[in-house]
PDB file of all heavy atoms in Angstrom:
ATOM      1  N   ASN A   1      -4.945 -11.280  44.198  1.00  0.00           N
ATOM      2  CA  ASN A   1      -5.071 -11.764  45.570  1.00  0.00           C
ATOM      3  C   ASN A   1      -5.702 -10.746  46.490  1.00  0.00           C
ATOM      4  O   ASN A   1      -6.492 -11.081  47.352  1.00  0.00           O
ATOM      5  CB  ASN A   1      -3.648 -12.152  46.114  1.00  0.00           C
ATOM      6  CG  ASN A   1      -3.438 -13.612  46.004  1.00  0.00           C
ATOM      7  OD1 ASN A   1      -4.282 -14.407  46.321  1.00  0.00           O
ATOM      8  ND2 ASN A   1      -2.291 -13.969  45.517  1.00  0.00           N
ATOM      9  N   GLU A   2      -5.293  -9.494  46.325  1.00  0.00           N
ATOM     10  CA  GLU A   2      -5.823  -8.433  47.187  1.00  0.00           C
ATOM     11  C   GLU A   2      -7.355  -8.338  47.042  1.00  0.00           C
ATOM     12  O   GLU A   2      -8.078  -8.189  48.037  1.00  0.00           O
ATOM     13  CB  GLU A   2      -5.170  -7.130  46.864  1.00  0.00           C
ATOM     14  CG  GLU A   2      -3.688  -7.058  47.250  1.00  0.00           C
ATOM     15  CD  GLU A   2      -3.082  -5.697  46.961  1.00  0.00           C
ATOM     16  OE1 GLU A   2      -3.857  -4.793  46.540  1.00  0.00           O
ATOM     17  OE2 GLU A   2      -1.879  -5.539  47.164  1.00  0.00           O
ATOM     18  N   GLU A   3      -7.842  -8.415  45.813  1.00  0.00           N
ATOM     19  CA  GLU A   3      -9.285  -8.357  45.566  1.00  0.00           C
ATOM     20  C   GLU A   3      -9.967  -9.568  46.198  1.00  0.00           C
ATOM     21  O   GLU A   3     -11.051  -9.449  46.798  1.00  0.00           O
ATOM     22  CB  GLU A   3      -9.587  -8.282  44.074  1.00  0.00           C
ATOM     23  CG  GLU A   3     -11.085  -8.132  43.756  1.00  0.00           C
ATOM     24  CD  GLU A   3     -11.349  -8.082  42.276  1.00  0.00           C
ATOM     25  OE1 GLU A   3     -10.376  -7.938  41.497  1.00  0.00           O
ATOM     26  OE2 GLU A   3     -12.524  -8.163  41.914  1.00  0.00           O
ATOM     27  N   GLY A   4      -9.356 -10.743  46.057  1.00  0.00           N
ATOM     28  CA  GLY A   4      -9.912 -11.947  46.617  1.00  0.00           C
ATOM     29  C   GLY A   4     -10.014 -11.835  48.141  1.00  0.00           C
ATOM     30  O   GLY A   4     -11.035 -12.200  48.748  1.00  0.00           O
ATOM     31  N   LEU A   5      -8.963 -11.335  48.799  1.00  0.00           N
ATOM     32  CA  LEU A   5      -8.960 -11.184  50.228  1.00  0.00           C
ATOM     33  C   LEU A   5     -10.057 -10.189  50.689  1.00  0.00           C
ATOM     34  O   LEU A   5     -10.711 -10.414  51.686  1.00  0.00           O
ATOM     35  CB  LEU A   5      -7.574 -10.706  50.701  1.00  0.00           C
ATOM     36  CG  LEU A   5      -6.457 -11.739  50.652  1.00  0.00           C
ATOM     37  CD1 LEU A   5      -5.114 -11.094  50.887  1.00  0.00           C
ATOM     38  CD2 LEU A   5      -6.705 -12.809  51.698  1.00  0.00           C
ATOM     39  N   GLU A   6     -10.228  -9.154  49.886  1.00  0.00           N
ATOM     40  CA  GLU A   6     -11.256  -8.168  50.229  1.00  0.00           C
ATOM     41  C   GLU A   6     -12.637  -8.777  50.167  1.00  0.00           C
ATOM     42  O   GLU A   6     -13.481  -8.526  51.024  1.00  0.00           O
ATOM     43  CB  GLU A   6     -11.149  -6.980  49.271  1.00  0.00           C
ATOM     44  CG  GLU A   6     -12.134  -5.852  49.557  1.00  0.00           C
ATOM     45  CD  GLU A   6     -12.014  -4.714  48.581  1.00  0.00           C
ATOM     46  OE1 GLU A   6     -10.987  -4.680  47.824  1.00  0.00           O
ATOM     47  OE2 GLU A   6     -12.931  -3.863  48.577  1.00  0.00           O
ATOM     48  N   ARG A   7     -12.874  -9.625  49.154  1.00  0.00           N
ATOM     49  CA  ARG A   7     -14.190 -10.262  48.984  1.00  0.00           C
ATOM     50  C   ARG A   7     -14.441 -11.234  50.141  1.00  0.00           C
ATOM     51  O   ARG A   7     -15.572 -11.320  50.642  1.00  0.00           O
ATOM     52  CB  ARG A   7     -14.272 -10.928  47.621  1.00  0.00           C
ATOM     53  CG  ARG A   7     -14.399  -9.946  46.475  1.00  0.00           C
ATOM     54  CD  ARG A   7     -14.426 -10.655  45.123  1.00  0.00           C
ATOM     55  NE  ARG A   7     -14.562  -9.700  44.073  1.00  0.00           N
ATOM     56  CZ  ARG A   7     -15.750  -9.261  43.614  1.00  0.00           C
ATOM     57  NH1 ARG A   7     -16.884  -9.707  44.123  1.00  0.00           N
ATOM     58  NH2 ARG A   7     -15.810  -8.389  42.612  1.00  0.00           N
ATOM     59  N   TYR A   8     -13.446 -12.007  50.508  1.00  0.00           N
ATOM     60  CA  TYR A   8     -13.642 -12.921  51.620  1.00  0.00           C
ATOM     61  C   TYR A   8     -13.856 -12.198  52.930  1.00  0.00           C
ATOM     62  O   TYR A   8     -14.590 -12.663  53.812  1.00  0.00           O
ATOM     63  CB  TYR A   8     -12.457 -13.887  51.730  1.00  0.00           C
ATOM     64  CG  TYR A   8     -12.452 -14.936  50.644  1.00  0.00           C
ATOM     65  CD1 TYR A   8     -11.396 -15.108  49.766  1.00  0.00           C
ATOM     66  CD2 TYR A   8     -13.567 -15.771  50.499  1.00  0.00           C
ATOM     67  CE1 TYR A   8     -11.425 -16.074  48.780  1.00  0.00           C
ATOM     68  CE2 TYR A   8     -13.575 -16.749  49.496  1.00  0.00           C
ATOM     69  CZ  TYR A   8     -12.515 -16.878  48.619  1.00  0.00           C
ATOM     70  OH  TYR A   8     -12.530 -17.817  47.636  1.00  0.00           O
ATOM     71  N   ALA A   9     -13.246 -11.047  53.039  1.00  0.00           N
ATOM     72  CA  ALA A   9     -13.478 -10.216  54.272  1.00  0.00           C
ATOM     73  C   ALA A   9     -14.933  -9.780  54.305  1.00  0.00           C
ATOM     74  O   ALA A   9     -15.587  -9.776  55.356  1.00  0.00           O
ATOM     75  CB  ALA A   9     -12.557  -8.990  54.279  1.00  0.00           C
ATOM     76  N   HIS A  10     -15.507  -9.408  53.149  1.00  0.00           N
ATOM     77  CA  HIS A  10     -16.914  -9.023  53.129  1.00  0.00           C
ATOM     78  C   HIS A  10     -17.815 -10.227  53.475  1.00  0.00           C
ATOM     79  O   HIS A  10     -18.796 -10.046  54.187  1.00  0.00           O
ATOM     80  CB  HIS A  10     -17.284  -8.532  51.692  1.00  0.00           C
ATOM     81  CG  HIS A  10     -16.853  -7.133  51.414  1.00  0.00           C
ATOM     82  ND1 HIS A  10     -17.285  -6.063  52.198  1.00  0.00           N
ATOM     83  CD2 HIS A  10     -16.040  -6.590  50.471  1.00  0.00           C
ATOM     84  CE1 HIS A  10     -16.757  -4.952  51.728  1.00  0.00           C
ATOM     85  NE2 HIS A  10     -15.977  -5.246  50.692  1.00  0.00           N
ATOM     86  N   LEU A  11     -17.442 -11.414  52.969  1.00  0.00           N
ATOM     87  CA  LEU A  11     -18.247 -12.586  53.326  1.00  0.00           C
ATOM     88  C   LEU A  11     -18.193 -12.870  54.809  1.00  0.00           C
ATOM     89  O   LEU A  11     -19.210 -13.246  55.427  1.00  0.00           O
ATOM     90  CB  LEU A  11     -17.694 -13.803  52.567  1.00  0.00           C
ATOM     91  CG  LEU A  11     -18.184 -13.959  51.101  1.00  0.00           C
ATOM     92  CD1 LEU A  11     -17.417 -15.118  50.439  1.00  0.00           C
ATOM     93  CD2 LEU A  11     -19.655 -14.259  51.048  1.00  0.00           C
ATOM     94  N   SER A  12     -17.058 -12.676  55.432  1.00  0.00           N
ATOM     95  CA  SER A  12     -16.940 -12.856  56.876  1.00  0.00           C
ATOM     96  C   SER A  12     -17.845 -11.933  57.620  1.00  0.00           C
ATOM     97  O   SER A  12     -18.517 -12.304  58.582  1.00  0.00           O
ATOM     98  CB  SER A  12     -15.476 -12.672  57.315  1.00  0.00           C
ATOM     99  OG  SER A  12     -14.635 -13.647  56.723  1.00  0.00           O
ATOM    100  N   GLN A  13     -17.893 -10.670  57.174  1.00  0.00           N
ATOM    101  CA  GLN A  13     -18.726  -9.662  57.835  1.00  0.00           C
ATOM    102  C   GLN A  13     -20.198  -9.956  57.614  1.00  0.00           C
ATOM    103  O   GLN A  13     -21.046  -9.553  58.450  1.00  0.00           O
ATOM    104  CB  GLN A  13     -18.361  -8.287  57.313  1.00  0.00           C
ATOM    105  CG  GLN A  13     -16.975  -7.837  57.675  1.00  0.00           C
ATOM    106  CD  GLN A  13     -16.549  -6.600  56.921  1.00  0.00           C
ATOM    107  OE1 GLN A  13     -17.335  -5.976  56.212  1.00  0.00           O
ATOM    108  NE2 GLN A  13     -15.268  -6.222  57.047  1.00  0.00           N
ATOM    109  N   ALA A  14     -20.524 -10.655  56.516  1.00  0.00           N
ATOM    110  CA  ALA A  14     -21.919 -10.901  56.204  1.00  0.00           C
ATOM    111  C   ALA A  14     -22.498 -12.105  56.955  1.00  0.00           C
ATOM    112  O   ALA A  14     -23.669 -12.403  56.806  1.00  0.00           O
ATOM    113  CB  ALA A  14     -22.093 -11.133  54.672  1.00  0.00           C
ATOM    114  N   GLY A  15     -21.650 -12.791  57.746  1.00  0.00           N
ATOM    115  CA  GLY A  15     -22.161 -13.923  58.540  1.00  0.00           C
ATOM    116  C   GLY A  15     -21.447 -15.203  58.351  1.00  0.00           C
ATOM    117  O   GLY A  15     -21.865 -16.225  58.917  1.00  0.00           O
ATOM    118  N   PHE A  16     -20.355 -15.187  57.578  1.00  0.00           N
ATOM    119  CA  PHE A  16     -19.595 -16.423  57.317  1.00  0.00           C
ATOM    120  C   PHE A  16     -18.217 -16.383  57.974  1.00  0.00           C
ATOM    121  O   PHE A  16     -17.287 -17.007  57.449  1.00  0.00           O
ATOM    122  CB  PHE A  16     -19.475 -16.658  55.814  1.00  0.00           C
ATOM    123  CG  PHE A  16     -20.762 -16.904  55.144  1.00  0.00           C
ATOM    124  CD1 PHE A  16     -21.455 -15.832  54.535  1.00  0.00           C
ATOM    125  CD2 PHE A  16     -21.355 -18.136  55.074  1.00  0.00           C
ATOM    126  CE1 PHE A  16     -22.665 -16.022  53.886  1.00  0.00           C
ATOM    127  CE2 PHE A  16     -22.544 -18.370  54.436  1.00  0.00           C
ATOM    128  CZ  PHE A  16     -23.239 -17.285  53.840  1.00  0.00           C
ATOM    129  N   ALA A  17     -18.114 -15.676  59.068  1.00  0.00           N
ATOM    130  CA  ALA A  17     -16.799 -15.503  59.700  1.00  0.00           C
ATOM    131  C   ALA A  17     -16.142 -16.813  60.148  1.00  0.00           C
ATOM    132  O   ALA A  17     -14.923 -16.967  60.085  1.00  0.00           O
ATOM    133  CB  ALA A  17     -16.908 -14.560  60.900  1.00  0.00           C
ATOM    134  N   ASN A  18     -16.965 -17.784  60.559  1.00  0.00           N
ATOM    135  CA  ASN A  18     -16.423 -19.054  61.036  1.00  0.00           C
ATOM    136  C   ASN A  18     -16.584 -20.179  60.049  1.00  0.00           C
ATOM    137  O   ASN A  18     -16.412 -21.348  60.379  1.00  0.00           O
ATOM    138  CB  ASN A  18     -17.124 -19.437  62.338  1.00  0.00           C
ATOM    139  CG  ASN A  18     -16.784 -18.468  63.471  1.00  0.00           C
ATOM    140  OD1 ASN A  18     -15.653 -18.017  63.606  1.00  0.00           O
ATOM    141  ND2 ASN A  18     -17.767 -18.130  64.273  1.00  0.00           N
ATOM    142  N   ASN A  19     -16.907 -19.833  58.792  1.00  0.00           N
ATOM    143  CA  ASN A  19     -17.087 -20.833  57.770  1.00  0.00           C
ATOM    144  C   ASN A  19     -15.716 -21.385  57.342  1.00  0.00           C
ATOM    145  O   ASN A  19     -14.809 -20.625  57.023  1.00  0.00           O
ATOM    146  CB  ASN A  19     -17.834 -20.291  56.581  1.00  0.00           C
ATOM    147  CG  ASN A  19     -17.937 -21.315  55.462  1.00  0.00           C
ATOM    148  OD1 ASN A  19     -17.285 -21.186  54.456  1.00  0.00           O
ATOM    149  ND2 ASN A  19     -18.759 -22.343  55.665  1.00  0.00           N
ATOM    150  N   LYS A  20     -15.598 -22.735  57.343  1.00  0.00           N
ATOM    151  CA  LYS A  20     -14.288 -23.326  57.013  1.00  0.00           C
ATOM    152  C   LYS A  20     -13.835 -22.970  55.594  1.00  0.00           C
ATOM    153  O   LYS A  20     -12.660 -22.739  55.354  1.00  0.00           O
ATOM    154  CB  LYS A  20     -14.411 -24.841  57.155  1.00  0.00           C
ATOM    155  CG  LYS A  20     -13.029 -25.526  57.109  1.00  0.00           C
ATOM    156  CD  LYS A  20     -13.192 -27.024  57.139  1.00  0.00           C
ATOM    157  CE  LYS A  20     -13.410 -27.594  55.754  1.00  0.00           C
ATOM    158  NZ  LYS A  20     -13.303 -29.022  55.703  1.00  0.00           N
ATOM    159  N   TYR A  21     -14.747 -22.969  54.653  1.00  0.00           N
ATOM    160  CA  TYR A  21     -14.384 -22.700  53.263  1.00  0.00           C
ATOM    161  C   TYR A  21     -13.808 -21.275  53.133  1.00  0.00           C
ATOM    162  O   TYR A  21     -12.782 -21.103  52.482  1.00  0.00           O
ATOM    163  CB  TYR A  21     -15.608 -22.869  52.350  1.00  0.00           C
ATOM    164  CG  TYR A  21     -15.317 -22.471  50.933  1.00  0.00           C
ATOM    165  CD1 TYR A  21     -14.659 -23.344  50.091  1.00  0.00           C
ATOM    166  CD2 TYR A  21     -15.631 -21.192  50.437  1.00  0.00           C
ATOM    167  CE1 TYR A  21     -14.363 -23.005  48.772  1.00  0.00           C
ATOM    168  CE2 TYR A  21     -15.317 -20.853  49.157  1.00  0.00           C
ATOM    169  CZ  TYR A  21     -14.697 -21.754  48.302  1.00  0.00           C
ATOM    170  OH  TYR A  21     -14.361 -21.395  47.012  1.00  0.00           O
ATOM    171  N   VAL A  22     -14.450 -20.337  53.756  1.00  0.00           N
ATOM    172  CA  VAL A  22     -13.983 -18.916  53.671  1.00  0.00           C
ATOM    173  C   VAL A  22     -12.623 -18.809  54.326  1.00  0.00           C
ATOM    174  O   VAL A  22     -11.738 -18.154  53.781  1.00  0.00           O
ATOM    175  CB  VAL A  22     -15.008 -17.962  54.324  1.00  0.00           C
ATOM    176  CG1 VAL A  22     -14.450 -16.538  54.393  1.00  0.00           C
ATOM    177  CG2 VAL A  22     -16.314 -17.960  53.566  1.00  0.00           C
ATOM    178  N   LEU A  23     -12.427 -19.463  55.434  1.00  0.00           N
ATOM    179  CA  LEU A  23     -11.139 -19.431  56.126  1.00  0.00           C
ATOM    180  C   LEU A  23     -10.046 -20.077  55.253  1.00  0.00           C
ATOM    181  O   LEU A  23      -8.951 -19.542  55.143  1.00  0.00           O
ATOM    182  CB  LEU A  23     -11.218 -20.143  57.471  1.00  0.00           C
ATOM    183  CG  LEU A  23     -12.034 -19.469  58.590  1.00  0.00           C
ATOM    184  CD1 LEU A  23     -12.177 -20.397  59.775  1.00  0.00           C
ATOM    185  CD2 LEU A  23     -11.347 -18.184  59.001  1.00  0.00           C
ATOM    186  N   LEU A  24     -10.378 -21.225  54.636  1.00  0.00           N
ATOM    187  CA  LEU A  24      -9.407 -21.904  53.788  1.00  0.00           C
ATOM    188  C   LEU A  24      -9.022 -21.087  52.590  1.00  0.00           C
ATOM    189  O   LEU A  24      -7.841 -20.994  52.209  1.00  0.00           O
ATOM    190  CB  LEU A  24      -9.928 -23.262  53.377  1.00  0.00           C
ATOM    191  CG  LEU A  24      -9.805 -24.397  54.357  1.00  0.00           C
ATOM    192  CD1 LEU A  24     -10.529 -25.649  53.827  1.00  0.00           C
ATOM    193  CD2 LEU A  24      -8.343 -24.698  54.645  1.00  0.00           C
ATOM    194  N   GLN A  25     -10.000 -20.464  51.936  1.00  0.00           N
ATOM    195  CA  GLN A  25      -9.733 -19.662  50.765  1.00  0.00           C
ATOM    196  C   GLN A  25      -8.906 -18.448  51.122  1.00  0.00           C
ATOM    197  O   GLN A  25      -8.022 -18.036  50.357  1.00  0.00           O
ATOM    198  CB  GLN A  25     -11.031 -19.251  50.068  1.00  0.00           C
ATOM    199  CG  GLN A  25     -11.787 -20.431  49.445  1.00  0.00           C
ATOM    200  CD  GLN A  25     -10.946 -21.176  48.440  1.00  0.00           C
ATOM    201  OE1 GLN A  25     -10.358 -20.588  47.523  1.00  0.00           O
ATOM    202  NE2 GLN A  25     -10.906 -22.487  48.609  1.00  0.00           N
ATOM    203  N   THR A  26      -9.178 -17.856  52.252  1.00  0.00           N
ATOM    204  CA  THR A  26      -8.368 -16.729  52.728  1.00  0.00           C
ATOM    205  C   THR A  26      -6.930 -17.154  53.009  1.00  0.00           C
ATOM    206  O   THR A  26      -5.977 -16.472  52.632  1.00  0.00           O
ATOM    207  CB  THR A  26      -8.965 -16.109  54.020  1.00  0.00           C
ATOM    208  OG1 THR A  26     -10.350 -15.781  53.804  1.00  0.00           O
ATOM    209  CG2 THR A  26      -8.250 -14.834  54.404  1.00  0.00           C
ATOM    210  N   ALA A  27      -6.796 -18.333  53.580  1.00  0.00           N
ATOM    211  CA  ALA A  27      -5.456 -18.873  53.847  1.00  0.00           C
ATOM    212  C   ALA A  27      -4.694 -19.157  52.544  1.00  0.00           C
ATOM    213  O   ALA A  27      -3.502 -18.866  52.414  1.00  0.00           O
ATOM    214  CB  ALA A  27      -5.569 -20.173  54.654  1.00  0.00           C
ATOM    215  N   LEU A  28      -5.408 -19.673  51.535  1.00  0.00           N
ATOM    216  CA  LEU A  28      -4.802 -19.927  50.241  1.00  0.00           C
ATOM    217  C   LEU A  28      -4.337 -18.638  49.568  1.00  0.00           C
ATOM    218  O   LEU A  28      -3.294 -18.564  48.938  1.00  0.00           O
ATOM    219  CB  LEU A  28      -5.745 -20.721  49.332  1.00  0.00           C
ATOM    220  CG  LEU A  28      -6.026 -22.149  49.740  1.00  0.00           C
ATOM    221  CD1 LEU A  28      -7.110 -22.734  48.829  1.00  0.00           C
ATOM    222  CD2 LEU A  28      -4.783 -23.025  49.686  1.00  0.00           C
ATOM    223  N   ALA A  29      -5.219 -17.583  49.682  1.00  0.00           N
ATOM    224  CA  ALA A  29      -4.837 -16.317  49.101  1.00  0.00           C
ATOM    225  C   ALA A  29      -3.598 -15.749  49.776  1.00  0.00           C
ATOM    226  O   ALA A  29      -2.700 -15.194  49.138  1.00  0.00           O
ATOM    227  CB  ALA A  29      -6.028 -15.346  49.246  1.00  0.00           C
ATOM    228  N   GLN A  30      -3.516 -15.893  51.101  1.00  0.00           N
ATOM    229  CA  GLN A  30      -2.326 -15.438  51.855  1.00  0.00           C
ATOM    230  C   GLN A  30      -1.119 -16.271  51.428  1.00  0.00           C
ATOM    231  O   GLN A  30       0.036 -15.730  51.356  1.00  0.00           O
ATOM    232  CB  GLN A  30      -2.558 -15.570  53.349  1.00  0.00           C
ATOM    233  CG  GLN A  30      -3.700 -14.737  53.902  1.00  0.00           C
ATOM    234  CD  GLN A  30      -3.369 -13.250  54.017  1.00  0.00           C
ATOM    235  OE1 GLN A  30      -2.380 -12.779  53.462  1.00  0.00           O
ATOM    236  NE2 GLN A  30      -4.173 -12.536  54.774  1.00  0.00           N
ATOM    237  N   TYR A  31      -1.304 -17.562  51.215  1.00  0.00           N
ATOM    238  CA  TYR A  31      -0.202 -18.435  50.800  1.00  0.00           C
ATOM    239  C   TYR A  31       0.359 -17.979  49.445  1.00  0.00           C
ATOM    240  O   TYR A  31       1.564 -17.899  49.255  1.00  0.00           O
ATOM    241  CB  TYR A  31      -0.720 -19.868  50.734  1.00  0.00           C
ATOM    242  CG  TYR A  31       0.213 -20.834  50.021  1.00  0.00           C
ATOM    243  CD1 TYR A  31       1.422 -21.220  50.583  1.00  0.00           C
ATOM    244  CD2 TYR A  31      -0.145 -21.375  48.780  1.00  0.00           C
ATOM    245  CE1 TYR A  31       2.258 -22.118  49.945  1.00  0.00           C
ATOM    246  CE2 TYR A  31       0.718 -22.261  48.127  1.00  0.00           C
ATOM    247  CZ  TYR A  31       1.912 -22.623  48.698  1.00  0.00           C
ATOM    248  OH  TYR A  31       2.739 -23.508  48.036  1.00  0.00           O
ATOM    249  N   HIS A  32      -0.517 -17.721  48.484  1.00  0.00           N
ATOM    250  CA  HIS A  32      -0.052 -17.314  47.162  1.00  0.00           C
ATOM    251  C   HIS A  32       0.569 -15.936  47.175  1.00  0.00           C
ATOM    252  O   HIS A  32       1.384 -15.607  46.337  1.00  0.00           O
ATOM    253  CB  HIS A  32      -1.206 -17.372  46.150  1.00  0.00           C
ATOM    254  CG  HIS A  32      -1.642 -18.773  45.813  1.00  0.00           C
ATOM    255  ND1 HIS A  32      -0.768 -19.673  45.205  1.00  0.00           N
ATOM    256  CD2 HIS A  32      -2.786 -19.432  46.021  1.00  0.00           C
ATOM    257  CE1 HIS A  32      -1.407 -20.825  45.023  1.00  0.00           C
ATOM    258  NE2 HIS A  32      -2.636 -20.720  45.471  1.00  0.00           N
ATOM    259  N   ALA A  33       0.158 -15.144  48.167  1.00  0.00           N
ATOM    260  CA  ALA A  33       0.775 -13.796  48.370  1.00  0.00           C
ATOM    261  C   ALA A  33       2.097 -13.928  49.167  1.00  0.00           C
ATOM    262  O   ALA A  33       2.733 -12.919  49.419  1.00  0.00           O
ATOM    263  CB  ALA A  33      -0.164 -12.848  49.041  1.00  0.00           C
TER     264      ALA A  33
END
């Protein structure tokens, strides 16, 4: 999960900060954690 959250953080910084998919996957990673 930690690696997944880190990768989604990089995607957010690369220009996908408001993308629904990235937000949902980050939420799912937090849920499983």
